[in-house]
C-alpha atoms as a PDB file:
ATOM      1  CA  MET A   1      44.733  25.697  11.545  1.00  0.00           C
ATOM      2  CA  GLN A   2      42.381  25.381   8.617  1.00  0.00           C
ATOM      3  CA  THR A   3      45.339  25.953   6.272  1.00  0.00           C
ATOM      4  CA  TYR A   4      47.700  23.478   7.919  1.00  0.00           C
ATOM      5  CA  TYR A   5      45.301  20.823   8.746  1.00  0.00           C
ATOM      6  CA  GLY A   6      42.254  21.294   6.450  1.00  0.00           C
ATOM      7  CA  SER A   7      43.921  22.654   3.336  1.00  0.00           C
ATOM      8  CA  GLN A   8      43.113  25.913   1.527  1.00  0.00           C
ATOM      9  CA  GLN A   9      43.296  27.067  -2.058  1.00  0.00           C
ATOM     10  CA  VAL A  10      45.763  29.875  -2.458  1.00  0.00           C
ATOM     11  CA  SER A  11      46.221  30.124  -6.156  1.00  0.00           C
ATOM     12  CA  ASP A  12      45.839  28.543  -9.592  1.00  0.00           C
ATOM     13  CA  PHE A  13      47.664  28.324 -12.848  1.00  0.00           C
ATOM     14  CA  ASN A  14      47.393  27.077 -16.364  1.00  0.00           C
ATOM     15  CA  ARG A  15      49.932  24.642 -17.953  1.00  0.00           C
ATOM     16  CA  PHE A  16      49.871  22.277 -20.871  1.00  0.00           C
ATOM     17  CA  GLY A  17      46.453  23.579 -21.685  1.00  0.00           C
ATOM     18  CA  LYS A  18      45.053  22.435 -18.202  1.00  0.00           C
ATOM     19  CA  TYR A  19      43.811  24.362 -15.177  1.00  0.00           C
ATOM     20  CA  TYR A  20      45.616  23.433 -11.858  1.00  0.00           C
ATOM     21  CA  ARG A  21      44.675  24.550  -8.335  1.00  0.00           C
ATOM     22  CA  VAL A  22      47.393  25.410  -5.683  1.00  0.00           C
ATOM     23  CA  MET A  23      46.376  23.865  -2.400  1.00  0.00           C
ATOM     24  CA  LEU A  24      48.326  24.764   0.725  1.00  0.00           C
ATOM     25  CA  GLN A  25      48.505  22.169   3.563  1.00  0.00           C
ATOM     26  CA  ALA A  26      50.974  20.650   5.956  1.00  0.00           C
ATOM     27  CA  ALA A  27      52.657  17.463   5.152  1.00  0.00           C
ATOM     28  CA  LYS A  28      50.777  14.324   6.302  1.00  0.00           C
ATOM     29  CA  GLY A  29      53.458  13.500   9.012  1.00  0.00           C
ATOM     30  CA  ASP A  30      53.217  17.011  10.356  1.00  0.00           C
ATOM     31  CA  ARG A  31      49.547  16.911  11.101  1.00  0.00           C
ATOM     32  CA  ALA A  32      49.035  13.140  11.935  1.00  0.00           C
ATOM     33  CA  ASN A  33      48.602  13.541  15.773  1.00  0.00           C
ATOM     34  CA  PRO A  34      47.723  16.208  18.396  1.00  0.00           C
ATOM     35  CA  SER A  35      51.485  16.742  19.183  1.00  0.00           C
ATOM     36  CA  SER A  36      51.887  18.197  15.798  1.00  0.00           C
ATOM     37  CA  MET A  37      50.204  21.421  17.038  1.00  0.00           C
ATOM     38  CA  GLU A  38      53.561  22.227  18.761  1.00  0.00           C
ATOM     39  CA  GLY A  39      55.017  23.061  15.411  1.00  0.00           C
ATOM     40  CA  VAL A  40      52.279  25.274  14.294  1.00  0.00           C
ATOM     41  CA  SER A  41      52.582  28.868  15.411  1.00  0.00           C
ATOM     42  CA  VAL A  42      50.751  32.077  14.873  1.00  0.00           C
ATOM     43  CA  LYS A  43      51.898  35.655  15.305  1.00  0.00           C
ATOM     44  CA  SER A  44      50.694  37.311  18.639  1.00  0.00           C
ATOM     45  CA  THR A  45      50.098  41.150  19.177  1.00  0.00           C
ATOM     46  CA  THR A  46      53.710  41.589  20.013  1.00  0.00           C
ATOM     47  CA  SER A  47      54.909  39.929  16.681  1.00  0.00           C
ATOM     48  CA  GLU A  48      56.136  36.843  18.434  1.00  0.00           C
ATOM     49  CA  MET A  49      55.395  33.389  17.214  1.00  0.00           C
ATOM     50  CA  VAL A  50      53.130  31.458  19.604  1.00  0.00           C
ATOM     51  CA  PRO A  51      52.509  27.852  19.388  1.00  0.00           C
ATOM     52  CA  ILE A  52      48.813  26.898  18.717  1.00  0.00           C
ATOM     53  CA  SER A  53      48.899  24.445  21.484  1.00  0.00           C
ATOM     54  CA  SER A  54      49.077  27.149  23.980  1.00  0.00           C
ATOM     55  CA  LEU A  55      45.916  28.741  22.721  1.00  0.00           C
ATOM     56  CA  VAL A  56      43.794  25.633  21.866  1.00  0.00           C
ATOM     57  CA  THR A  57      42.828  22.777  24.081  1.00  0.00           C
ATOM     58  CA  LEU A  58      41.836  19.460  22.536  1.00  0.00           C
ATOM     59  CA  LYS A  59      39.147  17.408  24.067  1.00  0.00           C
ATOM     60  CA  PRO A  60      38.342  13.968  22.509  1.00  0.00           C
ATOM     61  CA  VAL A  61      34.607  13.493  21.830  1.00  0.00           C
ATOM     62  CA  LEU A  62      33.058  10.305  20.444  1.00  0.00           C
ATOM     63  CA  GLY A  63      30.850  10.473  17.464  1.00  0.00           C
ATOM     64  CA  PRO A  64      29.858   8.439  14.423  1.00  0.00           C
ATOM     65  CA  GLU A  65      32.163   8.200  11.488  1.00  0.00           C
ATOM     66  CA  THR A  66      29.424   9.434   9.056  1.00  0.00           C
ATOM     67  CA  VAL A  67      26.483  11.716   9.778  1.00  0.00           C
ATOM     68  CA  THR A  68      23.327  10.949   7.759  1.00  0.00           C
ATOM     69  CA  ARG A  69      20.841  13.745   7.031  1.00  0.00           C
ATOM     70  CA  TYR A  70      17.388  13.699   5.695  1.00  0.00           C
ATOM     71  CA  ASN A  71      15.730  16.876   4.759  1.00  0.00           C
ATOM     72  CA  LEU A  72      18.644  18.778   6.431  1.00  0.00           C
ATOM     73  CA  TYR A  73      18.002  17.084   9.741  1.00  0.00           C
ATOM     74  CA  ASN A  74      20.246  14.658  11.486  1.00  0.00           C
ATOM     75  CA  SER A  75      18.795  11.192  10.938  1.00  0.00           C
ATOM     76  CA  ILE A  76      19.347   7.518  11.679  1.00  0.00           C
ATOM     77  CA  PRO A  77      18.463   5.109   8.790  1.00  0.00           C
ATOM     78  CA  MET A  78      16.414   2.063   9.710  1.00  0.00           C
ATOM     79  CA  ASN A  79      15.258  -0.893   7.523  1.00  0.00           C
ATOM     80  CA  ALA A  80      12.143  -2.939   8.343  1.00  0.00           C
ATOM     81  CA  ASN A  81      10.801  -6.042   6.585  1.00  0.00           C
ATOM     82  CA  PRO A  82       7.333  -7.437   7.052  1.00  0.00           C
ATOM     83  CA  LYS A  83       7.091 -11.038   8.377  1.00  0.00           C
ATOM     84  CA  PRO A  84       5.522 -13.690   6.130  1.00  0.00           C
ATOM     85  CA  GLY A  85       1.663 -13.238   6.279  1.00  0.00           C
ATOM     86  CA  TYR A  86       1.889  -9.434   6.604  1.00  0.00           C
ATOM     87  CA  SER A  87       1.853  -6.910   3.778  1.00  0.00           C
ATOM     88  CA  THR A  88       3.962  -3.756   3.481  1.00  0.00           C
ATOM     89  CA  GLY A  89       0.939  -1.679   4.488  1.00  0.00           C
ATOM     90  CA  ASP A  90       0.791  -3.683   7.816  1.00  0.00           C
ATOM     91  CA  ALA A  91       4.581  -2.959   8.373  1.00  0.00           C
ATOM     92  CA  ILE A  92       4.072   0.916   7.738  1.00  0.00           C
ATOM     93  CA  ARG A  93       1.193   0.919  10.205  1.00  0.00           C
ATOM     94  CA  ALA A  94       3.303  -0.992  12.740  1.00  0.00           C
ATOM     95  CA  VAL A  95       6.202   1.475  12.401  1.00  0.00           C
ATOM     96  CA  GLU A  96       3.835   4.537  12.737  1.00  0.00           C
ATOM     97  CA  GLU A  97       2.340   3.055  15.873  1.00  0.00           C
ATOM     98  CA  VAL A  98       5.672   2.336  17.493  1.00  0.00           C
ATOM     99  CA  ALA A  99       7.046   5.643  16.556  1.00  0.00           C
ATOM    100  CA  ALA A 100       4.108   7.510  18.124  1.00  0.00           C
ATOM    101  CA  GLN A 101       4.577   5.491  21.367  1.00  0.00           C
ATOM    102  CA  THR A 102       8.318   5.487  21.928  1.00  0.00           C
ATOM    103  CA  LEU A 103       9.799   8.489  20.227  1.00  0.00           C
ATOM    104  CA  PRO A 104      10.670  11.412  22.609  1.00  0.00           C
ATOM    105  CA  ALA A 105       9.748  14.955  22.190  1.00  0.00           C
ATOM    106  CA  GLY A 106      11.577  16.688  19.357  1.00  0.00           C
ATOM    107  CA  TYR A 107      11.900  13.529  17.268  1.00  0.00           C
ATOM    108  CA  SER A 108       9.850  12.371  14.300  1.00  0.00           C
ATOM    109  CA  HIS A 109      10.074   9.679  11.594  1.00  0.00           C
ATOM    110  CA  GLU A 110       9.837   9.938   7.701  1.00  0.00           C
ATOM    111  CA  PHE A 111       9.681   7.219   5.181  1.00  0.00           C
ATOM    112  CA  SER A 112      11.818   7.172   2.156  1.00  0.00           C
ATOM    113  CA  GLY A 113      12.427   5.191  -1.083  1.00  0.00           C
ATOM    114  CA  VAL A 114       9.927   2.667  -2.316  1.00  0.00           C
ATOM    115  CA  THR A 115       7.954   2.959   0.923  1.00  0.00           C
ATOM    116  CA  ARG A 116       7.534   6.689   0.473  1.00  0.00           C
ATOM    117  CA  GLU A 117       6.310   6.120  -3.074  1.00  0.00           C
ATOM    118  CA  GLU A 118       3.901   3.381  -1.914  1.00  0.00           C
ATOM    119  CA  ILE A 119       2.431   5.804   0.738  1.00  0.00           C
ATOM    120  CA  ILE A 120       2.059   8.686  -1.886  1.00  0.00           C
ATOM    121  CA  SER A 121       0.533   6.428  -4.578  1.00  0.00           C
ATOM    122  CA  GLY A 122      -1.671   4.432  -2.191  1.00  0.00           C
ATOM    123  CA  GLY A 123      -4.152   7.154  -1.947  1.00  0.00           C
ATOM    124  CA  GLN A 124      -4.376   7.467  -5.621  1.00  0.00           C
ATOM    125  CA  SER A 125      -5.490   3.986  -6.276  1.00  0.00           C
ATOM    126  CA  LEU A 126      -9.160   4.678  -5.643  1.00  0.00           C
ATOM    127  CA  PHE A 127      -8.961   7.695  -7.794  1.00  0.00           C
ATOM    128  CA  VAL A 128      -7.312   5.718 -10.806  1.00  0.00           C
ATOM    129  CA  PHE A 129     -10.210   3.098 -10.392  1.00  0.00           C
ATOM    130  CA  LEU A 130     -12.828   5.749 -10.353  1.00  0.00           C
ATOM    131  CA  LEU A 131     -11.339   7.589 -13.253  1.00  0.00           C
ATOM    132  CA  SER A 132     -11.189   4.291 -15.336  1.00  0.00           C
ATOM    133  CA  LEU A 133     -14.889   3.632 -14.666  1.00  0.00           C
ATOM    134  CA  VAL A 134     -15.683   7.236 -15.611  1.00  0.00           C
ATOM    135  CA  PHE A 135     -13.988   6.905 -18.912  1.00  0.00           C
ATOM    136  CA  VAL A 136     -15.613   3.669 -19.734  1.00  0.00           C
ATOM    137  CA  TYR A 137     -19.033   5.168 -18.728  1.00  0.00           C
ATOM    138  CA  PHE A 138     -18.713   8.215 -21.040  1.00  0.00           C
ATOM    139  CA  LEU A 139     -17.440   6.053 -23.889  1.00  0.00           C
ATOM    140  CA  LEU A 140     -20.341   3.818 -23.603  1.00  0.00           C
ATOM    141  CA  SER A 141     -22.854   6.752 -23.156  1.00  0.00           C
ATOM    142  CA  ALA A 142     -21.648   8.014 -26.511  1.00  0.00           C
ATOM    143  CA  GLN A 143     -21.953   4.718 -28.189  1.00  0.00           C
ATOM    144  CA  TYR A 144     -25.407   3.789 -26.957  1.00  0.00           C
ATOM    145  CA  ASN A 145     -26.718   7.327 -26.909  1.00  0.00           C
ATOM    146  CA  SER A 146     -28.006   6.775 -23.426  1.00  0.00           C
ATOM    147  CA  TYR A 147     -26.870   7.536 -19.792  1.00  0.00           C
ATOM    148  CA  ILE A 148     -28.606   4.615 -18.385  1.00  0.00           C
ATOM    149  CA  LEU A 149     -27.838   1.653 -20.558  1.00  0.00           C
ATOM    150  CA  PRO A 150     -23.949   1.793 -19.829  1.00  0.00           C
ATOM    151  CA  LEU A 151     -24.796   1.002 -16.261  1.00  0.00           C
ATOM    152  CA  ALA A 152     -25.602  -2.551 -17.362  1.00  0.00           C
ATOM    153  CA  VAL A 153     -21.975  -2.890 -18.476  1.00  0.00           C
ATOM    154  CA  LEU A 154     -20.345  -1.095 -15.412  1.00  0.00           C
ATOM    155  CA  LEU A 155     -22.320  -3.098 -12.842  1.00  0.00           C
ATOM    156  CA  SER A 156     -21.201  -6.365 -14.311  1.00  0.00           C
ATOM    157  CA  ILE A 157     -17.461  -5.503 -13.532  1.00  0.00           C
ATOM    158  CA  PRO A 158     -17.766  -6.417  -9.781  1.00  0.00           C
ATOM    159  CA  THR A 159     -18.239 -10.069 -10.785  1.00  0.00           C
ATOM    160  CA  GLY A 160     -14.567 -10.153 -11.839  1.00  0.00           C
ATOM    161  CA  VAL A 161     -13.393  -8.236  -8.698  1.00  0.00           C
ATOM    162  CA  ILE A 162     -14.811 -11.053  -6.636  1.00  0.00           C
ATOM    163  CA  GLY A 163     -12.674 -13.506  -8.513  1.00  0.00           C
ATOM    164  CA  VAL A 164      -9.595 -11.372  -8.206  1.00  0.00           C
ATOM    165  CA  PHE A 165      -9.630 -11.365  -4.368  1.00  0.00           C
ATOM    166  CA  THR A 166     -10.690 -14.991  -4.182  1.00  0.00           C
ATOM    167  CA  ALA A 167      -7.788 -16.004  -6.402  1.00  0.00           C
ATOM    168  CA  ILE A 168      -5.057 -14.017  -4.629  1.00  0.00           C
ATOM    169  CA  GLY A 169      -6.461 -15.335  -1.233  1.00  0.00           C
ATOM    170  CA  ILE A 170      -6.151 -18.922  -2.459  1.00  0.00           C
ATOM    171  CA  ALA A 171      -2.682 -18.213  -3.749  1.00  0.00           C
ATOM    172  CA  GLY A 172      -1.603 -16.432  -0.565  1.00  0.00           C
ATOM    173  CA  ILE A 173      -0.903 -13.257  -2.293  1.00  0.00           C
ATOM    174  CA  GLU A 174      -1.189  -9.927  -0.742  1.00  0.00           C
ATOM    175  CA  ASN A 175      -3.182  -6.999  -2.306  1.00  0.00           C
ATOM    176  CA  ASN A 176      -0.207  -5.211  -3.762  1.00  0.00           C
ATOM    177  CA  ILE A 177       0.312  -2.685  -6.660  1.00  0.00           C
ATOM    178  CA  TYR A 178       0.517  -5.526  -9.160  1.00  0.00           C
ATOM    179  CA  VAL A 179      -2.933  -6.798  -8.124  1.00  0.00           C
ATOM    180  CA  GLN A 180      -4.290  -3.238  -8.562  1.00  0.00           C
ATOM    181  CA  VAL A 181      -2.749  -3.107 -12.030  1.00  0.00           C
ATOM    182  CA  ALA A 182      -4.619  -6.282 -12.836  1.00  0.00           C
ATOM    183  CA  LEU A 183      -7.832  -4.739 -11.456  1.00  0.00           C
ATOM    184  CA  ILE A 184      -7.503  -1.767 -13.839  1.00  0.00           C
ATOM    185  CA  MET A 185      -6.828  -4.168 -16.749  1.00  0.00           C
ATOM    186  CA  LEU A 186      -9.859  -6.177 -15.932  1.00  0.00           C
ATOM    187  CA  ILE A 187     -12.223  -3.154 -16.171  1.00  0.00           C
ATOM    188  CA  GLY A 188     -11.423  -3.115 -19.829  1.00  0.00           C
ATOM    189  CA  LEU A 189     -11.631  -6.758 -20.317  1.00  0.00           C
ATOM    190  CA  LEU A 190     -14.820  -7.440 -18.448  1.00  0.00           C
ATOM    191  CA  ALA A 191     -16.427  -4.312 -19.984  1.00  0.00           C
ATOM    192  CA  LYS A 192     -15.614  -5.706 -23.433  1.00  0.00           C
ATOM    193  CA  ASN A 193     -17.445  -8.940 -22.778  1.00  0.00           C
ATOM    194  CA  ALA A 194     -20.491  -7.018 -21.533  1.00  0.00           C
ATOM    195  CA  ILE A 195     -20.385  -4.801 -24.435  1.00  0.00           C
ATOM    196  CA  LEU A 196     -20.587  -7.793 -26.817  1.00  0.00           C
ATOM    197  CA  ILE A 197     -23.840  -8.966 -25.143  1.00  0.00           C
ATOM    198  CA  VAL A 198     -25.424  -5.535 -24.582  1.00  0.00           C
ATOM    199  CA  GLU A 199     -24.741  -4.411 -28.228  1.00  0.00           C
ATOM    200  CA  PHE A 200     -26.255  -7.512 -29.796  1.00  0.00           C
ATOM    201  CA  ALA A 201     -29.340  -7.277 -27.414  1.00  0.00           C
ATOM    202  CA  VAL A 202     -29.751  -3.604 -28.400  1.00  0.00           C
ATOM    203  CA  GLN A 203     -29.856  -4.570 -32.026  1.00  0.00           C
ATOM    204  CA  ARG A 204     -32.321  -7.393 -31.423  1.00  0.00           C
ATOM    205  CA  ARG A 205     -34.456  -4.984 -29.262  1.00  0.00           C
ATOM    206  CA  HIS A 206     -34.567  -2.389 -32.077  1.00  0.00           C
ATOM    207  CA  ALA A 207     -35.604  -5.222 -34.495  1.00  0.00           C
ATOM    208  CA  GLY A 208     -38.764  -5.603 -32.440  1.00  0.00           C
ATOM    209  CA  GLU A 209     -37.956  -8.486 -30.081  1.00  0.00           C
ATOM    210  CA  THR A 210     -39.009  -8.215 -26.442  1.00  0.00           C
ATOM    211  CA  LEU A 211     -36.476  -7.320 -23.782  1.00  0.00           C
ATOM    212  CA  ILE A 212     -36.146 -10.860 -22.278  1.00  0.00           C
ATOM    213  CA  THR A 213     -35.959 -12.346 -25.741  1.00  0.00           C
ATOM    214  CA  ALA A 214     -33.317 -10.050 -26.919  1.00  0.00           C
ATOM    215  CA  ALA A 215     -31.312 -10.459 -23.900  1.00  0.00           C
ATOM    216  CA  MET A 216     -31.393 -14.287 -24.138  1.00  0.00           C
ATOM    217  CA  GLU A 217     -30.558 -14.411 -27.817  1.00  0.00           C
ATOM    218  CA  ALA A 218     -27.592 -11.990 -27.108  1.00  0.00           C
ATOM    219  CA  ALA A 219     -26.196 -14.219 -24.322  1.00  0.00           C
ATOM    220  CA  LYS A 220     -26.516 -17.237 -26.599  1.00  0.00           C
ATOM    221  CA  ALA A 221     -25.046 -15.584 -29.647  1.00  0.00           C
ATOM    222  CA  ARG A 222     -21.996 -14.061 -27.726  1.00  0.00           C
ATOM    223  CA  LEU A 223     -21.314 -16.930 -25.406  1.00  0.00           C
ATOM    224  CA  ARG A 224     -18.844 -18.718 -27.674  1.00  0.00           C
ATOM    225  CA  PRO A 225     -16.718 -15.578 -28.588  1.00  0.00           C
ATOM    226  CA  ILE A 226     -16.577 -14.526 -24.954  1.00  0.00           C
ATOM    227  CA  ILE A 227     -15.488 -17.995 -23.732  1.00  0.00           C
ATOM    228  CA  MET A 228     -12.950 -18.487 -26.563  1.00  0.00           C
ATOM    229  CA  THR A 229     -11.230 -15.064 -25.914  1.00  0.00           C
ATOM    230  CA  SER A 230     -11.354 -15.474 -22.156  1.00  0.00           C
ATOM    231  CA  ILE A 231      -9.820 -18.953 -22.368  1.00  0.00           C
ATOM    232  CA  ALA A 232      -7.062 -17.614 -24.715  1.00  0.00           C
ATOM    233  CA  PHE A 233      -6.340 -14.808 -22.242  1.00  0.00           C
ATOM    234  CA  VAL A 234      -6.097 -17.159 -19.173  1.00  0.00           C
ATOM    235  CA  ALA A 235      -3.973 -19.616 -21.210  1.00  0.00           C
ATOM    236  CA  GLY A 236      -1.712 -16.850 -22.176  1.00  0.00           C
ATOM    237  CA  ILE A 237      -0.988 -15.752 -18.546  1.00  0.00           C
ATOM    238  CA  LEU A 238      -0.468 -19.166 -17.217  1.00  0.00           C
ATOM    239  CA  PRO A 239       3.244 -19.153 -17.756  1.00  0.00           C
ATOM    240  CA  MET A 240       3.447 -16.078 -15.522  1.00  0.00           C
ATOM    241  CA  MET A 241       2.182 -18.071 -12.605  1.00  0.00           C
ATOM    242  CA  ARG A 242       5.175 -20.372 -12.826  1.00  0.00           C
ATOM    243  CA  ALA A 243       7.663 -17.568 -13.325  1.00  0.00           C
ATOM    244  CA  THR A 244      10.904 -17.544 -11.298  1.00  0.00           C
ATOM    245  CA  GLY A 245      13.601 -14.945 -10.714  1.00  0.00           C
ATOM    246  CA  PRO A 246      13.565 -11.353  -9.410  1.00  0.00           C
ATOM    247  CA  SER A 247      10.244 -10.321 -10.889  1.00  0.00           C
ATOM    248  CA  ALA A 248       8.466 -13.585 -10.020  1.00  0.00           C
ATOM    249  CA  ALA A 249       6.296 -11.944  -7.304  1.00  0.00           C
ATOM    250  CA  GLY A 250       4.991  -9.347  -9.547  1.00  0.00           C
ATOM    251  CA  ASN A 251       4.228 -11.846 -12.373  1.00  0.00           C
ATOM    252  CA  HIS A 252       2.413 -14.113  -9.916  1.00  0.00           C
ATOM    253  CA  SER A 253       0.257 -11.267  -8.523  1.00  0.00           C
ATOM    254  CA  ILE A 254      -0.744  -9.995 -11.941  1.00  0.00           C
ATOM    255  CA  SER A 255      -1.429 -13.478 -13.451  1.00  0.00           C
ATOM    256  CA  ALA A 256      -3.333 -14.926 -10.511  1.00  0.00           C
ATOM    257  CA  GLY A 257      -5.407 -11.720 -10.021  1.00  0.00           C
ATOM    258  CA  ALA A 258      -6.282 -11.409 -13.680  1.00  0.00           C
ATOM    259  CA  ALA A 259      -6.988 -14.989 -14.235  1.00  0.00           C
ATOM    260  CA  GLY A 260      -9.239 -15.284 -11.234  1.00  0.00           C
ATOM    261  CA  GLY A 261     -11.114 -12.069 -12.256  1.00  0.00           C
ATOM    262  CA  MET A 262     -11.582 -13.166 -15.807  1.00  0.00           C
ATOM    263  CA  ILE A 263     -12.951 -16.686 -14.951  1.00  0.00           C
ATOM    264  CA  SER A 264     -15.400 -15.347 -12.390  1.00  0.00           C
ATOM    265  CA  GLY A 265     -16.372 -12.431 -14.646  1.00  0.00           C
ATOM    266  CA  VAL A 266     -17.174 -14.871 -17.467  1.00  0.00           C
ATOM    267  CA  LEU A 267     -19.102 -17.368 -15.402  1.00  0.00           C
ATOM    268  CA  LEU A 268     -21.114 -14.890 -13.507  1.00  0.00           C
ATOM    269  CA  GLY A 269     -21.447 -12.365 -16.174  1.00  0.00           C
ATOM    270  CA  VAL A 270     -23.098 -14.441 -18.721  1.00  0.00           C
ATOM    271  CA  PHE A 271     -26.039 -14.701 -16.271  1.00  0.00           C
ATOM    272  CA  ILE A 272     -25.921 -11.191 -14.720  1.00  0.00           C
ATOM    273  CA  ILE A 273     -25.380  -9.140 -17.877  1.00  0.00           C
ATOM    274  CA  PRO A 274     -28.600 -10.160 -19.579  1.00  0.00           C
ATOM    275  CA  VAL A 275     -30.650  -9.287 -16.376  1.00  0.00           C
ATOM    276  CA  LEU A 276     -28.910  -5.908 -16.101  1.00  0.00           C
ATOM    277  CA  PHE A 277     -29.680  -5.235 -19.814  1.00  0.00           C
ATOM    278  CA  VAL A 278     -33.369  -5.974 -19.250  1.00  0.00           C
ATOM    279  CA  VAL A 279     -33.531  -3.674 -16.152  1.00  0.00           C
ATOM    280  CA  PHE A 280     -31.597  -0.749 -17.581  1.00  0.00           C
ATOM    281  CA  GLN A 281     -33.079  -0.974 -21.189  1.00  0.00           C
ATOM    282  CA  TYR A 282     -36.549  -0.924 -19.610  1.00  0.00           C
ATOM    283  CA  LEU A 283     -35.623   2.219 -17.696  1.00  0.00           C
ATOM    284  CA  HIS A 284     -34.114   3.747 -20.892  1.00  0.00           C
ATOM    285  CA  GLU A 285     -37.238   3.161 -22.856  1.00  0.00           C
ATOM    286  CA  LYS A 286     -39.325   4.868 -20.173  1.00  0.00           C
ATOM    287  CA  VAL A 287     -37.309   7.930 -20.690  1.00  0.00           C
ATOM    288  CA  THR A 288     -36.737   7.564 -24.399  1.00  0.00           C
ATOM    289  CA  PRO A 289     -39.259   5.175 -26.084  1.00  0.00           C
ATOM    290  CA  LEU A 290     -38.246   3.248 -29.128  1.00  0.00           C
ATOM    291  CA  PRO A 291     -39.582   4.536 -32.413  1.00  0.00           C
ATOM    292  CA  PRO A 292     -42.273   2.403 -34.014  1.00  0.00           C
ATOM    293  CA  LEU A 293     -41.149  -0.079 -36.607  1.00  0.00           C
ATOM    294  CA  GLU A 294     -43.308   1.228 -39.345  1.00  0.00           C
ATOM    295  CA  ASP A 295     -41.745   4.691 -39.008  1.00  0.00           C
ATOM    296  CA  LYS A 296     -38.374   3.055 -39.661  1.00  0.00           C
ATOM    297  CA  HIS A 297     -39.784   1.321 -42.847  1.00  0.00           C
ATOM    298  CA  GLN A 298     -41.176   4.593 -44.124  1.00  0.00           C
ATOM    299  CA  GLU A 299     -37.775   6.408 -43.529  1.00  0.00           C
ATOM    300  CA  HIS A 300     -36.041   3.925 -45.584  1.00  0.00           C
ATOM    301  CA  THR A 301     -38.462   3.651 -48.584  1.00  0.00           C
ATOM    302  CA  PRO A 302     -38.998   7.020 -50.048  1.00  0.00           C
ATOM    303  CA  ALA A 303     -37.550   6.055 -53.455  1.00  0.00           C
ATOM    304  CA  PRO A 304     -40.797   5.052 -55.233  1.00  0.00           C
ATOM    305  CA  GLN A 305     -42.678   8.256 -54.280  1.00  0.00           C
ATOM    306  CA  LEU A 306     -39.716  10.328 -55.321  1.00  0.00           C
ATOM    307  CA  ALA A 307     -39.425   8.599 -58.791  1.00  0.00           C
ATOM    308  CA  HIS A 308     -43.261   9.153 -59.385  1.00  0.00           C
ATOM    309  CA  GLU A 309     -43.021  12.819 -58.824  1.00  0.00           C
ATOM    310  CA  LEU A 310     -40.092  13.023 -61.169  1.00  0.00           C
ATOM    311  CA  ASN A 311     -42.029  11.273 -63.854  1.00  0.00           C
END
């Protein structure tokens, strides 16, 4: 039956430089309906040809035209779209709740495609944020030679996070992967603004000024470049807010989140960063006091004494 109805390779040959297979199968008209089994015979134990119809009983069984499998199990594909106002995370939780309540024993559900990637990567978002902060912290620790002063920069970053969620809430955008990318980008941008103020304040502090005076002068001196670069950044992403087409949703999420975070980070950071500098620089000086100013002058003026000895 397999040879007549399902075909079978019986030989092969080469011709004209090509390889050909020889497939044995009954003609299409001789296998088109169940009555064709009358013409197919097999040899019995007495060497007589017996029709297959006398040995086989056909029974019609209803079934699907195609069988879908997932991880080698029979499966039924289903697509679900969240209603307006609900995120994909809400849809995933709803599917899991309905599946847990309605699926009988022996049945389970699995997510595939983009949803599966979202579930896998969703737990990595917090790890990526923490890793970004750790990298920034160690870089600043190496720059300032302090494990305390970099906290003045890192603790200013939440001022931008507030603006991100405020902006996407006003725009009606859900917290998706594009918003999270904007958050990671803002860690670097807002840290840059804080570094400008803290770096100048550290220089003024080493020059002998008080903590409060150094912080205020740093905020005044760096206010203009911070505002100019922030305005340029926000103006550069404004076209993304009006984007149309297949990638419009992603552009809207990134631009709205980044713009809101940058605006709030600048407006709040100008007032918060100097306060943080005063607090953590004070703690740093408790651990590592600043060298006296006269010691610095003596270190930089050994030339006259050396010249006298040479004479």
